[in-house]
Protein backbone atom coordinates (compact mmCIF):
# COMPACT_ATOMS: atom_id res chain seq x y z
CA MET A 1 -238.66 -9.85 -325.11
CA ILE A 2 -235.66 -10.85 -322.94
CA MET A 3 -236.47 -13.26 -320.12
CA ARG A 4 -235.63 -12.58 -316.48
CA ASN A 5 -235.01 -15.01 -313.66
CA SER A 6 -238.20 -13.89 -311.91
CA GLU A 7 -240.19 -15.65 -314.66
CA ARG A 8 -238.23 -18.89 -314.41
CA VAL A 9 -239.65 -22.08 -312.92
CA LYS A 10 -237.10 -24.72 -311.97
CA VAL A 11 -237.21 -27.94 -313.95
CA LYS A 12 -237.72 -29.95 -310.75
CA ASN A 13 -240.88 -27.96 -309.97
CA LEU A 14 -242.19 -28.21 -313.52
CA LEU A 15 -241.82 -31.98 -313.52
CA GLU A 16 -243.27 -32.48 -310.05
CA SER A 17 -246.12 -30.01 -309.82
CA GLY A 18 -246.39 -28.06 -313.04
CA THR A 19 -249.96 -27.26 -314.07
CA VAL A 20 -250.85 -28.58 -317.51
CA GLY A 21 -251.98 -25.75 -319.79
CA ALA A 22 -250.03 -23.06 -317.92
CA GLU A 23 -247.64 -20.69 -319.68
CA VAL A 24 -244.19 -21.31 -318.18
CA ALA A 25 -240.60 -20.20 -318.57
CA ALA A 26 -237.46 -22.25 -317.99
CA MET A 27 -233.71 -21.73 -318.25
CA GLY A 28 -230.96 -24.31 -318.38
CA TRP A 29 -228.40 -26.22 -320.38
CA VAL A 30 -229.06 -28.41 -323.37
CA ARG A 31 -228.36 -32.07 -322.70
CA THR A 32 -229.50 -33.45 -326.07
CA LYS A 33 -231.00 -32.18 -329.30
CA ARG A 34 -232.74 -34.31 -331.92
CA GLY A 35 -235.48 -34.02 -334.51
CA ASN A 36 -236.22 -33.42 -338.18
CA LYS A 37 -237.40 -30.65 -340.49
CA SER A 38 -240.83 -30.59 -338.84
CA ILE A 39 -240.02 -30.78 -335.16
CA THR A 40 -237.04 -30.48 -332.78
CA PHE A 41 -236.77 -31.97 -329.29
CA ILE A 42 -234.38 -30.56 -326.68
CA ALA A 43 -233.70 -32.06 -323.25
CA LEU A 44 -233.23 -29.13 -320.87
CA ASN A 45 -231.64 -29.44 -317.44
CA ASP A 46 -230.95 -26.72 -314.86
CA GLY A 47 -229.33 -28.85 -312.15
CA SER A 48 -232.32 -28.83 -309.82
CA THR A 49 -233.00 -32.52 -310.54
CA ILE A 50 -231.42 -35.51 -312.26
CA ASN A 51 -234.28 -35.39 -314.78
CA SER A 52 -234.47 -33.09 -317.80
CA ILE A 53 -237.62 -31.61 -319.22
CA GLN A 54 -238.35 -32.06 -322.91
CA VAL A 55 -238.88 -28.85 -324.88
CA VAL A 56 -240.64 -29.25 -328.22
CA PHE A 57 -240.03 -26.77 -331.04
CA ASP A 58 -242.50 -26.76 -333.91
CA MET A 59 -240.38 -25.87 -336.96
CA ALA A 60 -243.40 -24.16 -338.52
CA VAL A 61 -242.98 -21.58 -335.72
CA PHE A 62 -239.17 -21.55 -335.38
CA SER A 63 -236.64 -21.22 -338.17
CA GLU A 64 -233.57 -23.40 -338.57
CA ASP A 65 -231.43 -20.30 -338.04
CA GLN A 66 -232.94 -19.79 -334.59
CA LEU A 67 -231.96 -23.31 -333.55
CA LYS A 68 -228.69 -23.78 -335.41
CA ASN A 69 -226.57 -22.54 -332.48
CA VAL A 70 -228.46 -24.60 -329.93
CA ALA A 71 -226.19 -27.60 -329.39
CA THR A 72 -225.37 -29.86 -326.46
CA GLY A 73 -223.91 -27.68 -323.70
CA ALA A 74 -225.56 -24.45 -324.83
CA CYS A 75 -227.51 -22.41 -322.30
CA ILE A 76 -231.00 -21.32 -323.33
CA ALA A 77 -234.16 -19.70 -322.02
CA VAL A 78 -237.58 -20.83 -323.27
CA ARG A 79 -241.21 -19.89 -322.83
CA GLY A 80 -244.14 -22.01 -323.77
CA LYS A 81 -247.15 -24.03 -322.68
CA LEU A 82 -246.78 -26.94 -320.28
CA VAL A 83 -248.59 -29.86 -321.90
CA GLU A 84 -249.03 -33.55 -321.24
CA SER A 85 -246.25 -35.54 -322.85
CA PRO A 86 -247.32 -38.27 -325.26
CA GLY A 87 -243.96 -39.99 -324.85
CA SER A 88 -242.97 -42.33 -322.05
CA GLY A 89 -240.65 -41.28 -319.25
CA GLN A 90 -242.09 -37.86 -318.46
CA ARG A 91 -245.49 -36.53 -317.42
CA VAL A 92 -245.18 -33.10 -319.02
CA GLU A 93 -243.17 -31.23 -321.63
CA ILE A 94 -242.93 -27.64 -322.83
CA GLN A 95 -244.44 -26.66 -326.19
CA ALA A 96 -242.08 -23.77 -326.96
CA SER A 97 -243.21 -20.37 -328.20
CA TYR A 98 -240.05 -18.38 -327.42
CA LEU A 99 -236.31 -19.15 -327.44
CA GLU A 100 -233.35 -17.13 -326.27
CA VAL A 101 -229.79 -18.43 -326.57
CA LEU A 102 -227.95 -17.25 -323.45
CA GLY A 103 -224.66 -18.96 -324.22
CA GLU A 104 -223.51 -21.03 -327.18
CA ALA A 105 -221.38 -24.20 -326.94
CA ASP A 106 -219.21 -25.18 -329.90
CA SER A 107 -220.11 -28.77 -330.69
CA ALA A 108 -216.65 -29.36 -332.19
CA THR A 109 -214.81 -28.53 -328.96
CA TYR A 110 -217.32 -29.02 -326.10
CA PRO A 111 -215.75 -31.94 -324.17
CA LEU A 112 -219.07 -33.38 -322.93
CA GLN A 113 -220.55 -33.80 -326.39
CA LYS A 114 -220.62 -37.59 -326.00
CA LYS A 115 -221.64 -39.87 -323.16
CA GLY A 116 -219.60 -42.49 -321.36
CA HIS A 117 -216.53 -40.48 -320.33
CA SER A 118 -214.24 -42.09 -317.77
CA MET A 119 -213.96 -40.72 -314.23
CA GLU A 120 -210.28 -40.00 -314.89
CA PHE A 121 -211.13 -37.84 -317.91
CA LEU A 122 -213.83 -35.97 -316.00
CA ARG A 123 -211.37 -35.13 -313.21
CA GLU A 124 -209.31 -33.31 -315.86
CA ILE A 125 -212.30 -31.09 -316.64
CA ALA A 126 -213.59 -30.59 -313.11
CA HIS A 127 -214.90 -27.17 -314.15
CA LEU A 128 -217.43 -28.86 -316.45
CA ARG A 129 -218.13 -32.22 -314.83
CA PRO A 130 -221.02 -30.90 -312.63
CA ARG A 131 -223.03 -30.80 -315.88
CA THR A 132 -222.99 -34.59 -316.13
CA ASN A 133 -225.79 -36.63 -314.60
CA THR A 134 -223.34 -38.40 -312.29
CA PHE A 135 -221.81 -35.32 -310.75
CA GLY A 136 -225.09 -33.46 -310.62
CA ALA A 137 -226.45 -36.35 -308.53
CA VAL A 138 -223.36 -36.50 -306.31
CA LEU A 139 -223.35 -32.75 -305.65
CA ARG A 140 -227.07 -32.63 -304.83
CA ILE A 141 -226.58 -35.49 -302.36
CA ARG A 142 -223.55 -33.72 -300.91
CA HIS A 143 -225.67 -30.61 -300.38
CA ALA A 144 -228.48 -32.61 -298.77
CA LEU A 145 -226.05 -34.24 -296.35
CA ALA A 146 -224.49 -30.88 -295.41
CA PHE A 147 -227.92 -29.40 -294.75
CA ALA A 148 -228.97 -32.44 -292.71
CA ILE A 149 -225.81 -32.22 -290.57
CA HIS A 150 -226.56 -28.64 -289.56
CA LYS A 151 -230.24 -29.44 -289.01
CA TYR A 152 -229.46 -32.45 -286.83
CA PHE A 153 -227.19 -30.55 -284.48
CA ASN A 154 -229.28 -27.37 -284.46
CA ASP A 155 -232.43 -29.29 -283.55
CA ARG A 156 -230.57 -30.85 -280.59
CA GLY A 157 -229.21 -27.62 -279.16
CA PHE A 158 -225.61 -27.88 -280.37
CA ILE A 159 -223.64 -24.68 -281.04
CA TYR A 160 -221.87 -24.39 -284.40
CA LEU A 161 -218.30 -23.38 -283.58
CA HIS A 162 -215.92 -22.04 -286.21
CA THR A 163 -212.49 -23.40 -285.36
CA PRO A 164 -209.33 -21.95 -286.93
CA ILE A 165 -208.00 -23.06 -290.29
CA ILE A 166 -204.56 -21.63 -289.52
CA THR A 167 -203.06 -23.19 -286.40
CA GLY A 168 -199.89 -23.50 -284.40
CA SER A 169 -200.66 -27.03 -283.16
CA ASP A 170 -200.90 -30.49 -284.68
CA ALA A 171 -203.98 -32.08 -283.13
CA GLU A 172 -203.29 -35.56 -284.45
CA GLY A 173 -199.52 -35.67 -284.17
CA ALA A 174 -199.60 -36.49 -287.87
CA GLY A 175 -196.66 -34.34 -288.87
CA ALA A 176 -197.87 -34.05 -292.49
CA MET A 177 -199.14 -30.46 -292.48
CA PHE A 178 -199.13 -27.61 -294.96
CA ARG A 179 -197.10 -24.59 -293.83
CA VAL A 180 -198.57 -21.07 -293.92
CA THR A 181 -196.04 -18.27 -294.21
CA THR A 182 -195.43 -14.77 -295.57
CA LEU A 183 -191.65 -15.23 -295.58
CA ASP A 184 -189.82 -14.91 -298.89
CA PRO A 185 -188.56 -18.42 -299.77
CA ASN A 186 -185.63 -16.86 -301.62
CA ASN A 187 -184.56 -14.79 -298.62
CA LEU A 188 -185.44 -16.65 -295.44
CA PRO A 189 -184.38 -15.09 -292.14
CA ARG A 190 -182.05 -17.32 -290.14
CA THR A 191 -181.15 -17.74 -286.48
CA PRO A 192 -177.47 -17.76 -285.44
CA GLU A 193 -177.71 -21.56 -285.59
CA GLY A 194 -178.81 -21.40 -289.24
CA LYS A 195 -182.44 -22.41 -288.67
CA ILE A 196 -185.40 -20.51 -290.11
CA ASP A 197 -186.28 -17.64 -287.78
CA TRP A 198 -190.05 -18.00 -287.51
CA SER A 199 -190.24 -15.01 -285.16
CA GLU A 200 -189.90 -12.90 -288.32
CA ASP A 201 -192.99 -14.50 -289.86
CA PHE A 202 -196.52 -13.02 -289.82
CA PHE A 203 -197.64 -14.84 -286.67
CA GLY A 204 -194.25 -14.73 -284.97
CA LYS A 205 -194.13 -18.53 -284.94
CA GLU A 206 -194.46 -21.45 -287.31
CA ALA A 207 -198.05 -21.77 -288.57
CA LYS A 208 -199.79 -24.50 -290.54
CA LEU A 209 -203.16 -25.48 -292.02
CA THR A 210 -205.24 -27.44 -289.54
CA VAL A 211 -205.63 -31.21 -289.63
CA SER A 212 -208.56 -31.10 -287.19
CA GLY A 213 -210.74 -28.68 -285.25
CA GLN A 214 -211.16 -31.12 -282.37
CA LEU A 215 -208.91 -29.55 -279.73
CA GLU A 216 -210.44 -26.11 -280.21
CA ALA A 217 -213.93 -27.63 -280.23
CA GLU A 218 -213.18 -29.19 -276.83
CA LEU A 219 -212.52 -25.68 -275.51
CA GLY A 220 -215.98 -24.65 -276.71
CA ALA A 221 -217.61 -27.70 -275.12
CA MET A 222 -216.10 -26.72 -271.77
CA ALA A 223 -218.28 -23.60 -271.81
CA LEU A 224 -221.21 -24.29 -274.16
CA SER A 225 -221.74 -28.00 -273.30
CA GLU A 226 -222.39 -29.25 -276.86
CA VAL A 227 -220.68 -27.86 -279.93
CA TYR A 228 -219.76 -29.04 -283.41
CA THR A 229 -217.42 -27.97 -286.16
CA PHE A 230 -217.91 -28.47 -289.88
CA GLY A 231 -215.07 -27.12 -291.94
CA PRO A 232 -212.09 -27.79 -294.19
CA THR A 233 -209.04 -29.69 -292.95
CA PHE A 234 -205.75 -30.45 -294.64
CA ARG A 235 -203.20 -33.27 -294.81
CA ALA A 236 -199.94 -33.02 -296.72
CA GLU A 237 -199.57 -36.77 -297.15
CA ASN A 238 -198.17 -37.77 -300.53
CA SER A 239 -200.94 -40.31 -301.05
CA ASN A 240 -202.64 -41.15 -304.34
CA THR A 241 -205.11 -43.75 -303.09
CA PRO A 242 -208.87 -43.60 -303.86
CA ARG A 243 -209.47 -42.80 -300.16
CA HIS A 244 -207.23 -39.76 -299.61
CA LEU A 245 -207.50 -36.04 -300.29
CA ALA A 246 -205.17 -33.21 -299.31
CA GLU A 247 -208.16 -30.93 -298.60
CA PHE A 248 -211.34 -32.37 -297.13
CA TRP A 249 -214.16 -31.46 -294.75
CA MET A 250 -214.67 -32.75 -291.23
CA ILE A 251 -217.64 -32.82 -288.86
CA GLU A 252 -216.45 -32.87 -285.26
CA PRO A 253 -218.92 -32.66 -282.36
CA GLU A 254 -217.62 -32.31 -278.81
CA MET A 255 -219.90 -32.77 -275.82
CA ALA A 256 -219.38 -32.02 -272.13
CA PHE A 257 -220.76 -34.61 -269.68
CA TYR A 258 -220.86 -37.40 -272.32
CA ASP A 259 -219.12 -40.68 -271.57
CA ILE A 260 -218.11 -43.24 -274.21
CA GLN A 261 -221.57 -44.84 -274.22
CA ASP A 262 -223.25 -41.47 -274.80
CA ASN A 263 -220.74 -40.84 -277.58
CA MET A 264 -221.59 -44.12 -279.32
CA ASP A 265 -225.32 -43.45 -278.98
CA LEU A 266 -224.93 -40.03 -280.61
CA ALA A 267 -222.74 -41.34 -283.45
CA GLU A 268 -225.20 -44.11 -284.32
CA ASP A 269 -228.25 -41.84 -284.17
CA PHE A 270 -226.44 -39.16 -286.21
CA LEU A 271 -225.44 -41.50 -289.03
CA LYS A 272 -228.89 -43.07 -289.25
CA TYR A 273 -230.52 -39.64 -289.36
CA LEU A 274 -228.29 -38.49 -292.23
CA ILE A 275 -228.88 -41.61 -294.30
CA ARG A 276 -232.64 -41.53 -293.70
CA TYR A 277 -232.64 -37.90 -294.80
CA VAL A 278 -230.92 -38.72 -298.09
CA LEU A 279 -233.12 -41.76 -298.74
CA THR A 280 -236.15 -39.50 -298.42
CA SER A 281 -234.84 -36.34 -300.10
CA CYS A 282 -232.64 -37.68 -302.90
CA ALA A 283 -234.51 -40.76 -304.11
CA ASP A 284 -234.15 -39.95 -307.83
CA ASP A 285 -230.41 -39.31 -307.56
CA LEU A 286 -229.87 -42.49 -305.54
CA GLU A 287 -231.80 -44.54 -308.07
CA PHE A 288 -229.66 -43.14 -310.88
CA LEU A 289 -226.41 -43.93 -309.05
CA LYS A 290 -227.73 -47.37 -308.16
CA LYS A 291 -228.53 -48.09 -311.80
CA MET A 292 -225.27 -46.71 -313.18
CA TYR A 293 -222.65 -47.62 -310.55
CA ASP A 294 -223.75 -49.78 -307.64
CA ASP A 295 -226.88 -51.93 -307.74
CA GLU A 296 -226.60 -52.63 -303.98
CA LEU A 297 -226.44 -48.95 -303.03
CA VAL A 298 -229.95 -48.40 -301.68
CA SER A 299 -230.11 -51.77 -299.91
CA ARG A 300 -226.76 -51.02 -298.23
CA LEU A 301 -228.06 -47.65 -297.01
CA GLN A 302 -231.20 -49.34 -295.74
CA LEU A 303 -229.05 -51.90 -293.91
CA VAL A 304 -227.49 -49.09 -291.87
CA VAL A 305 -230.83 -47.50 -291.05
CA ASP A 306 -232.60 -50.76 -290.14
CA ASN A 307 -230.00 -52.36 -287.84
CA LYS A 308 -228.74 -51.57 -284.38
CA PHE A 309 -224.97 -51.25 -284.62
CA GLU A 310 -223.00 -54.12 -283.08
CA ARG A 311 -220.77 -52.95 -280.23
CA LEU A 312 -217.69 -54.85 -279.10
CA THR A 313 -214.18 -54.26 -277.81
CA TYR A 314 -211.07 -54.16 -279.93
CA THR A 315 -209.82 -57.21 -277.99
CA ARG A 316 -212.91 -59.23 -278.93
CA ALA A 317 -212.61 -58.09 -282.55
CA VAL A 318 -209.00 -59.30 -282.72
CA GLU A 319 -210.09 -62.70 -281.36
CA ILE A 320 -212.73 -62.95 -284.10
CA LEU A 321 -210.26 -61.95 -286.81
CA GLU A 322 -207.58 -64.38 -285.58
CA LYS A 323 -210.06 -67.25 -285.77
CA ALA A 324 -211.44 -66.22 -289.18
CA ASN A 325 -210.82 -68.56 -292.09
CA GLN A 326 -209.37 -65.71 -294.07
CA LYS A 327 -206.05 -64.70 -295.61
CA TRP A 328 -204.98 -61.23 -294.52
CA GLU A 329 -202.73 -58.85 -296.39
CA PHE A 330 -201.86 -57.30 -293.03
CA PRO A 331 -201.33 -59.62 -290.04
CA VAL A 332 -203.76 -59.51 -287.12
CA PHE A 333 -202.51 -59.45 -283.53
CA TRP A 334 -203.39 -57.60 -280.35
CA GLY A 335 -201.79 -54.17 -280.65
CA ALA A 336 -202.05 -53.98 -284.43
CA ASP A 337 -203.83 -51.02 -286.00
CA LEU A 338 -206.74 -52.67 -287.81
CA GLN A 339 -206.82 -52.16 -291.57
CA SER A 340 -209.76 -51.72 -293.91
CA GLU A 341 -209.76 -55.44 -294.80
CA HIS A 342 -210.21 -56.34 -291.11
CA GLU A 343 -212.89 -53.73 -290.52
CA ARG A 344 -214.88 -54.77 -293.58
CA TYR A 345 -214.70 -58.44 -292.63
CA LEU A 346 -216.30 -57.67 -289.26
CA VAL A 347 -219.06 -55.60 -290.87
CA GLU A 348 -219.75 -57.47 -294.10
CA LYS A 349 -219.09 -61.11 -293.22
CA HIS A 350 -219.15 -61.68 -289.47
CA PHE A 351 -221.93 -59.38 -288.23
CA SER A 352 -223.60 -58.26 -291.49
CA LYS A 353 -224.30 -54.82 -290.04
CA PRO A 354 -222.40 -51.72 -288.89
CA VAL A 355 -220.00 -52.20 -285.98
CA ILE A 356 -218.61 -49.94 -283.25
CA LEU A 357 -215.26 -51.01 -281.80
CA THR A 358 -214.11 -49.68 -278.43
CA ASP A 359 -211.21 -49.86 -275.98
CA TYR A 360 -208.23 -49.80 -278.33
CA PRO A 361 -204.60 -50.21 -277.19
CA LYS A 362 -203.35 -46.80 -276.07
CA GLU A 363 -200.16 -47.17 -278.12
CA ILE A 364 -202.07 -46.83 -281.40
CA LYS A 365 -204.30 -43.95 -280.35
CA ALA A 366 -203.85 -40.21 -279.74
CA PHE A 367 -202.71 -38.59 -276.49
CA TYR A 368 -206.08 -37.01 -275.65
CA MET A 369 -208.07 -40.26 -275.26
CA LYS A 370 -209.19 -41.26 -271.76
CA GLN A 371 -207.17 -44.09 -270.29
CA ASN A 372 -208.91 -47.18 -268.93
CA ASP A 373 -208.08 -48.62 -265.51
CA ASP A 374 -206.24 -51.56 -267.11
CA GLY A 375 -203.37 -49.24 -268.08
CA LYS A 376 -203.32 -50.73 -271.59
CA THR A 377 -206.38 -49.41 -273.39
CA VAL A 378 -208.20 -46.14 -273.96
CA ARG A 379 -211.88 -45.30 -274.39
CA ALA A 380 -211.67 -44.94 -278.13
CA MET A 381 -214.44 -45.84 -280.56
CA ASP A 382 -214.46 -46.44 -284.32
CA VAL A 383 -217.68 -46.83 -286.29
CA LEU A 384 -217.25 -49.29 -289.17
CA PHE A 385 -219.47 -49.37 -292.26
CA PRO A 386 -219.83 -51.86 -295.12
CA LYS A 387 -217.67 -51.26 -298.19
CA ILE A 388 -215.75 -48.41 -296.55
CA GLY A 389 -214.49 -49.56 -293.15
CA GLU A 390 -213.98 -46.81 -290.57
CA ILE A 391 -216.32 -43.87 -291.09
CA ILE A 392 -216.17 -42.28 -287.62
CA GLY A 393 -213.34 -42.15 -285.11
CA GLY A 394 -213.80 -40.77 -281.63
CA SER A 395 -213.28 -41.22 -277.91
CA GLN A 396 -214.04 -40.09 -274.44
CA ARG A 397 -211.43 -37.42 -273.82
CA GLU A 398 -208.98 -37.56 -270.90
CA GLU A 399 -210.23 -34.98 -268.39
CA ASN A 400 -207.65 -35.73 -265.67
CA TYR A 401 -204.84 -33.13 -265.77
CA GLN A 402 -202.05 -35.37 -264.44
CA LYS A 403 -202.92 -38.31 -266.70
CA LEU A 404 -203.16 -36.05 -269.75
CA LEU A 405 -199.87 -34.32 -268.94
CA SER A 406 -198.18 -37.67 -268.41
CA ARG A 407 -199.42 -38.93 -271.79
CA ILE A 408 -198.34 -35.72 -273.56
CA THR A 409 -194.86 -36.06 -272.06
CA GLU A 410 -194.72 -39.77 -272.91
CA LEU A 411 -195.48 -39.09 -276.59
CA GLY A 412 -193.13 -36.12 -276.85
CA VAL A 413 -195.81 -33.51 -277.56
CA PRO A 414 -194.31 -30.08 -276.68
CA GLU A 415 -196.19 -28.78 -273.64
CA LYS A 416 -195.69 -25.20 -274.87
CA ASP A 417 -197.86 -26.03 -277.90
CA VAL A 418 -200.83 -27.34 -275.88
CA TRP A 419 -200.69 -25.34 -272.64
CA TRP A 420 -204.11 -23.87 -273.42
CA TYR A 421 -205.55 -27.38 -273.86
CA LEU A 422 -204.14 -28.47 -270.51
CA ASP A 423 -205.63 -25.38 -268.86
CA THR A 424 -209.15 -26.71 -269.41
CA ARG A 425 -208.21 -29.65 -267.17
CA LYS A 426 -207.07 -27.27 -264.44
CA PHE A 427 -210.09 -24.96 -264.40
CA GLY A 428 -213.44 -26.71 -264.11
CA THR A 429 -212.63 -29.97 -265.89
CA ALA A 430 -215.51 -32.26 -266.80
CA PRO A 431 -216.01 -35.65 -268.46
CA HIS A 432 -216.45 -35.09 -272.18
CA SER A 433 -216.40 -36.95 -275.48
CA GLY A 434 -216.43 -36.36 -279.21
CA PHE A 435 -215.81 -37.83 -282.63
CA GLY A 436 -214.81 -36.95 -286.16
CA LEU A 437 -216.65 -37.81 -289.37
CA GLY A 438 -214.89 -37.25 -292.67
CA PHE A 439 -217.53 -35.64 -294.87
CA GLU A 440 -216.17 -36.94 -298.16
CA ARG A 441 -215.98 -40.46 -296.77
CA LEU A 442 -219.66 -40.18 -295.82
CA VAL A 443 -220.56 -38.88 -299.30
CA LEU A 444 -218.52 -41.71 -300.81
CA PHE A 445 -220.56 -44.27 -298.85
CA VAL A 446 -223.94 -42.65 -299.58
CA THR A 447 -223.35 -42.24 -303.33
CA GLY A 448 -221.65 -45.59 -303.98
CA MET A 449 -218.80 -43.90 -305.84
CA SER A 450 -215.45 -45.72 -305.78
CA ASN A 451 -213.00 -42.80 -305.60
CA ILE A 452 -213.09 -40.00 -303.04
CA ARG A 453 -211.93 -37.54 -305.73
CA ASP A 454 -215.36 -37.92 -307.32
CA VAL A 455 -217.41 -36.71 -304.33
CA ILE A 456 -215.83 -33.26 -303.88
CA PRO A 457 -216.25 -30.53 -306.51
CA PHE A 458 -212.55 -29.74 -306.96
CA PRO A 459 -210.25 -32.43 -305.50
CA ARG A 460 -206.89 -31.44 -304.04
CA THR A 461 -204.38 -34.26 -304.39
CA PRO A 462 -200.61 -34.50 -305.03
CA LYS A 463 -199.71 -32.52 -308.18
CA ASN A 464 -203.34 -31.40 -308.62
CA CYS A 465 -204.34 -27.83 -307.78
CA GLU A 466 -205.64 -26.61 -311.14
CA PHE A 467 -209.09 -25.26 -310.41
């Protein structure tokens, strides 16, 4: 009799609360198969938990032919009795009475037949790597964090705002953006001056993939008070470091009536909430990653939760770094953009807890940040974490029309591209603040992985767009 999903009990539920003696059904993928002529043991996993359930096949009941196509990677459905397990490591196991092979896996060609594959090799088979324990754990944690983000903001009255993926503006002034066009590259329309005539394109102007939803989120905050975005963003930087992706996800809250202190309070509370959520909800996955990759993982997460973040100005941080008995790859001086080595020194060696830096030189920050009265600094804030450096960047936004216009002009931002942004400073302006949290950078910190390509299902990097 063919099994249906309605009969299925997830492996996680069987292991946690399955009733001994009950008839149960499970579906999943074979992780291992071992045994002899009398008995066969299969470890079955369906992705609901890091742990597999052992299924025991009595070979007096099953023939060798029935099990010959059940190899590592195969997908099967089983029925049987849930019994106490005599072996160590699991409370219960399934004494099988029925087997259905849903999908075979050729043991000669299945690339995950053996254990111990390198991360580099697994990136080449990103379509299969979720079946490994490592990536199953990472993706469950990623899901838990995404759910917690929405729950956090929803429970506090924030409105989830969908900001555009296709845009005509460059929020960061980064310049490294992917172009979106319907024009034929082999027959581009030209102006009399020989330039590409973007008026002939789909949008009638040059369009690109967004690098940030911040500016549009600010528009929402000026009507809805507190909003947040959570969506994909894109950078066309030709970077192959373990910290960069061409496609990644950003969380960007924007809040009317918040000053820089309110912004810091929210960022600290938000990060602690997310990490507490994962510590509670993903304990098994964290323990696995701790054992396999980073034995300080859980203690580092607990460090964030248990400590009030140290708050100090950029100027004070530079003084500390200049006096440090430390050799720097990048020189430290007032006006320098701090590098990861500087940020990690402050967090890991000087304060031994997370740090929030404020009041950066305006020359190294974006046009939209509120200027301080000293004429030199802006009300920026960066949250620094151990091992990773900056995890959040934000600021109080400049709400004064003349100051914002002056800064836009000073930096050469075309006013025609941000007229709508300036309008919000003309019609009912208000103090407001916000920040951006790179989702993959957060997942990287929470999982203890060393390369950002290993915390997103299908990484987009230079020369890599296979899946």
